[in-house]
Amino acid sequence: MDLDVTTEFPKPLTDEVVRAADVVITMGCGDACPILPGKKYLDWELPDPAGKSIEEVRPIRDDIDRRVRALLAELTSRER
């Protein structure tokens, strides 16, 4: 599935967003992110794509894609 990400940008994790989530994935958020009991938290350490060329960013994007697909597979297998 292709997504148009040309208008996308990082968004802060607010208490409201975290409350609505089952899994919270951060990428270098550290202590600044809201922590609520009963949520699954994953912190994915990834290189910062800021200032990198498109050729340097593609492997980061592909790594995120692999991780998201693996997480979706894990979550959907638990629901069965």
N, C-alpha and C. Protein backbone atom coordinates (compact mmCIF):
# COMPACT_ATOMS: atom_id res chain seq x y z
N MET A 1 0.84 -1.16 0.00
CA MET A 1 0.00 0.00 0.00
C MET A 1 0.89 1.24 0.00
N ASP A 2 0.63 2.15 -0.89
CA ASP A 2 1.39 3.39 -0.96
C ASP A 2 0.62 4.50 -0.26
N LEU A 3 1.34 5.29 0.51
CA LEU A 3 0.76 6.43 1.21
C LEU A 3 1.44 7.70 0.74
N ASP A 4 0.66 8.75 0.58
CA ASP A 4 1.23 10.05 0.24
C ASP A 4 1.63 10.73 1.54
N VAL A 5 2.92 10.80 1.79
CA VAL A 5 3.41 11.37 3.04
C VAL A 5 3.96 12.79 2.85
N THR A 6 3.70 13.38 1.72
CA THR A 6 4.27 14.71 1.44
C THR A 6 3.75 15.78 2.38
N THR A 7 2.58 15.59 2.95
CA THR A 7 2.04 16.59 3.87
C THR A 7 2.12 16.15 5.33
N GLU A 8 2.75 15.03 5.59
CA GLU A 8 2.86 14.52 6.95
C GLU A 8 4.04 15.14 7.68
N PHE A 9 3.94 15.17 9.01
CA PHE A 9 5.00 15.71 9.86
C PHE A 9 4.88 15.07 11.24
N PRO A 10 5.96 15.07 12.03
CA PRO A 10 5.88 14.49 13.37
C PRO A 10 4.88 15.25 14.24
N LYS A 11 4.15 14.51 15.04
CA LYS A 11 3.17 15.13 15.93
C LYS A 11 3.49 14.75 17.38
N PRO A 12 3.26 15.66 18.31
CA PRO A 12 3.56 15.35 19.71
C PRO A 12 2.58 14.33 20.28
N LEU A 13 3.05 13.56 21.24
CA LEU A 13 2.18 12.62 21.94
C LEU A 13 1.52 13.36 23.09
N THR A 14 0.23 13.56 22.98
CA THR A 14 -0.53 14.21 24.04
C THR A 14 -1.16 13.13 24.92
N ASP A 15 -1.62 13.51 26.11
CA ASP A 15 -2.30 12.56 26.98
C ASP A 15 -3.51 11.95 26.27
N GLU A 16 -4.23 12.76 25.53
CA GLU A 16 -5.42 12.28 24.82
C GLU A 16 -5.08 11.20 23.80
N VAL A 17 -4.02 11.41 23.04
CA VAL A 17 -3.60 10.44 22.02
C VAL A 17 -3.15 9.14 22.70
N VAL A 18 -2.39 9.25 23.77
CA VAL A 18 -1.91 8.05 24.48
C VAL A 18 -3.07 7.28 25.09
N ARG A 19 -4.04 7.99 25.66
CA ARG A 19 -5.20 7.31 26.23
C ARG A 19 -5.96 6.48 25.18
N ALA A 20 -6.01 6.97 23.96
CA ALA A 20 -6.75 6.28 22.89
C ALA A 20 -5.99 5.12 22.28
N ALA A 21 -4.71 4.99 22.59
CA ALA A 21 -3.86 3.97 21.95
C ALA A 21 -3.75 2.70 22.79
N ASP A 22 -3.56 1.59 22.10
CA ASP A 22 -3.23 0.33 22.77
C ASP A 22 -1.72 0.19 22.90
N VAL A 23 -1.01 0.62 21.85
CA VAL A 23 0.45 0.54 21.81
C VAL A 23 0.97 1.94 21.47
N VAL A 24 1.97 2.38 22.23
CA VAL A 24 2.58 3.68 21.99
C VAL A 24 4.02 3.44 21.53
N ILE A 25 4.32 3.89 20.33
CA ILE A 25 5.67 3.73 19.79
C ILE A 25 6.32 5.10 19.76
N THR A 26 7.48 5.20 20.38
CA THR A 26 8.24 6.44 20.35
C THR A 26 9.54 6.19 19.61
N MET A 27 10.09 7.27 19.12
CA MET A 27 11.36 7.18 18.40
C MET A 27 12.28 8.26 18.97
N GLY A 28 12.79 7.98 20.15
CA GLY A 28 13.67 8.94 20.80
C GLY A 28 12.94 9.97 21.63
N CYS A 29 11.76 9.65 22.10
CA CYS A 29 10.94 10.58 22.88
C CYS A 29 11.50 10.80 24.28
N GLY A 30 12.03 9.75 24.87
CA GLY A 30 12.60 9.87 26.21
C GLY A 30 11.56 10.16 27.27
N ASP A 31 11.94 10.95 28.26
CA ASP A 31 11.06 11.24 29.39
C ASP A 31 9.97 12.26 29.07
N ALA A 32 9.99 12.85 27.89
CA ALA A 32 9.04 13.91 27.55
C ALA A 32 7.66 13.37 27.18
N CYS A 33 7.52 12.07 26.99
CA CYS A 33 6.25 11.50 26.55
C CYS A 33 5.39 11.10 27.74
N PRO A 34 4.07 11.26 27.60
CA PRO A 34 3.18 10.85 28.69
C PRO A 34 3.19 9.33 28.86
N ILE A 35 3.23 8.89 30.10
CA ILE A 35 3.22 7.46 30.42
C ILE A 35 1.94 7.17 31.20
N LEU A 36 1.14 6.27 30.67
CA LEU A 36 -0.10 5.88 31.35
C LEU A 36 -0.07 4.39 31.62
N PRO A 37 -0.56 3.97 32.79
CA PRO A 37 -0.57 2.55 33.11
C PRO A 37 -1.46 1.77 32.15
N GLY A 38 -1.08 0.52 31.89
CA GLY A 38 -1.87 -0.36 31.06
C GLY A 38 -1.60 -0.24 29.57
N LYS A 39 -0.68 0.61 29.18
CA LYS A 39 -0.34 0.77 27.77
C LYS A 39 0.96 0.03 27.49
N LYS A 40 1.08 -0.49 26.29
CA LYS A 40 2.33 -1.11 25.87
C LYS A 40 3.18 -0.02 25.21
N TYR A 41 4.41 0.14 25.69
CA TYR A 41 5.31 1.16 25.16
C TYR A 41 6.50 0.50 24.47
N LEU A 42 6.82 0.99 23.27
CA LEU A 42 8.00 0.55 22.54
C LEU A 42 8.77 1.81 22.15
N ASP A 43 10.06 1.82 22.38
CA ASP A 43 10.89 2.93 21.93
C ASP A 43 11.83 2.39 20.86
N TRP A 44 11.60 2.82 19.63
CA TRP A 44 12.40 2.35 18.51
C TRP A 44 13.55 3.33 18.30
N GLU A 45 14.75 2.86 18.53
CA GLU A 45 15.93 3.69 18.27
C GLU A 45 16.24 3.66 16.78
N LEU A 46 16.18 4.82 16.18
CA LEU A 46 16.42 4.95 14.74
C LEU A 46 17.28 6.17 14.49
N PRO A 47 18.03 6.17 13.40
CA PRO A 47 18.79 7.37 13.05
C PRO A 47 17.83 8.52 12.75
N ASP A 48 18.22 9.73 13.10
CA ASP A 48 17.42 10.92 12.82
C ASP A 48 17.54 11.23 11.33
N PRO A 49 16.42 11.28 10.61
CA PRO A 49 16.49 11.55 9.18
C PRO A 49 16.70 13.02 8.82
N ALA A 50 16.66 13.90 9.81
CA ALA A 50 16.79 15.34 9.54
C ALA A 50 18.10 15.64 8.83
N GLY A 51 18.00 16.36 7.72
CA GLY A 51 19.18 16.78 6.97
C GLY A 51 19.80 15.71 6.09
N LYS A 52 19.21 14.53 6.07
CA LYS A 52 19.75 13.44 5.24
C LYS A 52 19.14 13.47 3.84
N SER A 53 19.85 12.94 2.90
CA SER A 53 19.35 12.84 1.53
C SER A 53 18.28 11.75 1.47
N ILE A 54 17.51 11.76 0.40
CA ILE A 54 16.47 10.76 0.21
C ILE A 54 17.06 9.35 0.19
N GLU A 55 18.25 9.20 -0.37
CA GLU A 55 18.90 7.89 -0.40
C GLU A 55 19.27 7.42 1.01
N GLU A 56 19.58 8.36 1.91
CA GLU A 56 19.91 8.01 3.29
C GLU A 56 18.66 7.76 4.12
N VAL A 57 17.56 8.38 3.74
CA VAL A 57 16.32 8.24 4.51
C VAL A 57 15.58 6.96 4.16
N ARG A 58 15.70 6.50 2.93
CA ARG A 58 14.96 5.30 2.51
C ARG A 58 15.20 4.09 3.41
N PRO A 59 16.45 3.78 3.80
CA PRO A 59 16.64 2.63 4.69
C PRO A 59 15.96 2.81 6.06
N ILE A 60 15.91 4.05 6.54
CA ILE A 60 15.22 4.33 7.80
C ILE A 60 13.73 4.07 7.63
N ARG A 61 13.17 4.57 6.54
CA ARG A 61 11.76 4.36 6.22
C ARG A 61 11.46 2.87 6.12
N ASP A 62 12.33 2.13 5.43
CA ASP A 62 12.11 0.69 5.25
C ASP A 62 12.19 -0.05 6.58
N ASP A 63 13.06 0.39 7.49
CA ASP A 63 13.18 -0.22 8.81
C ASP A 63 11.88 0.01 9.60
N ILE A 64 11.35 1.23 9.54
CA ILE A 64 10.08 1.52 10.22
C ILE A 64 8.97 0.67 9.64
N ASP A 65 8.93 0.54 8.33
CA ASP A 65 7.91 -0.28 7.66
C ASP A 65 7.97 -1.72 8.15
N ARG A 66 9.17 -2.29 8.21
CA ARG A 66 9.33 -3.67 8.69
C ARG A 66 8.84 -3.81 10.13
N ARG A 67 9.21 -2.86 10.96
CA ARG A 67 8.80 -2.92 12.38
C ARG A 67 7.29 -2.81 12.53
N VAL A 68 6.67 -1.91 11.78
CA VAL A 68 5.21 -1.74 11.85
C VAL A 68 4.52 -3.01 11.39
N ARG A 69 4.98 -3.59 10.29
CA ARG A 69 4.36 -4.82 9.79
C ARG A 69 4.51 -5.97 10.80
N ALA A 70 5.67 -6.08 11.43
CA ALA A 70 5.88 -7.12 12.43
C ALA A 70 4.98 -6.90 13.65
N LEU A 71 4.84 -5.66 14.07
CA LEU A 71 3.97 -5.35 15.20
C LEU A 71 2.52 -5.65 14.86
N LEU A 72 2.08 -5.27 13.67
CA LEU A 72 0.71 -5.59 13.25
C LEU A 72 0.46 -7.09 13.23
N ALA A 73 1.42 -7.84 12.72
CA ALA A 73 1.29 -9.30 12.69
C ALA A 73 1.19 -9.86 14.11
N GLU A 74 2.01 -9.33 15.01
CA GLU A 74 1.99 -9.78 16.41
C GLU A 74 0.64 -9.44 17.05
N LEU A 75 0.17 -8.24 16.86
CA LEU A 75 -1.08 -7.82 17.49
C LEU A 75 -2.29 -8.57 16.93
N THR A 76 -2.31 -8.78 15.63
CA THR A 76 -3.45 -9.48 15.05
C THR A 76 -3.43 -10.97 15.35
N SER A 77 -2.26 -11.55 15.56
CA SER A 77 -2.21 -12.98 15.91
C SER A 77 -2.72 -13.20 17.33
N ARG A 78 -2.57 -12.21 18.20
CA ARG A 78 -3.07 -12.31 19.58
C ARG A 78 -4.60 -12.24 19.63
N GLU A 79 -5.20 -11.56 18.66
CA GLU A 79 -6.65 -11.37 18.66
C GLU A 79 -7.38 -12.63 18.24
N ARG A 80 -6.71 -13.55 17.62
CA ARG A 80 -7.40 -14.77 17.12
C ARG A 80 -7.61 -15.78 18.19
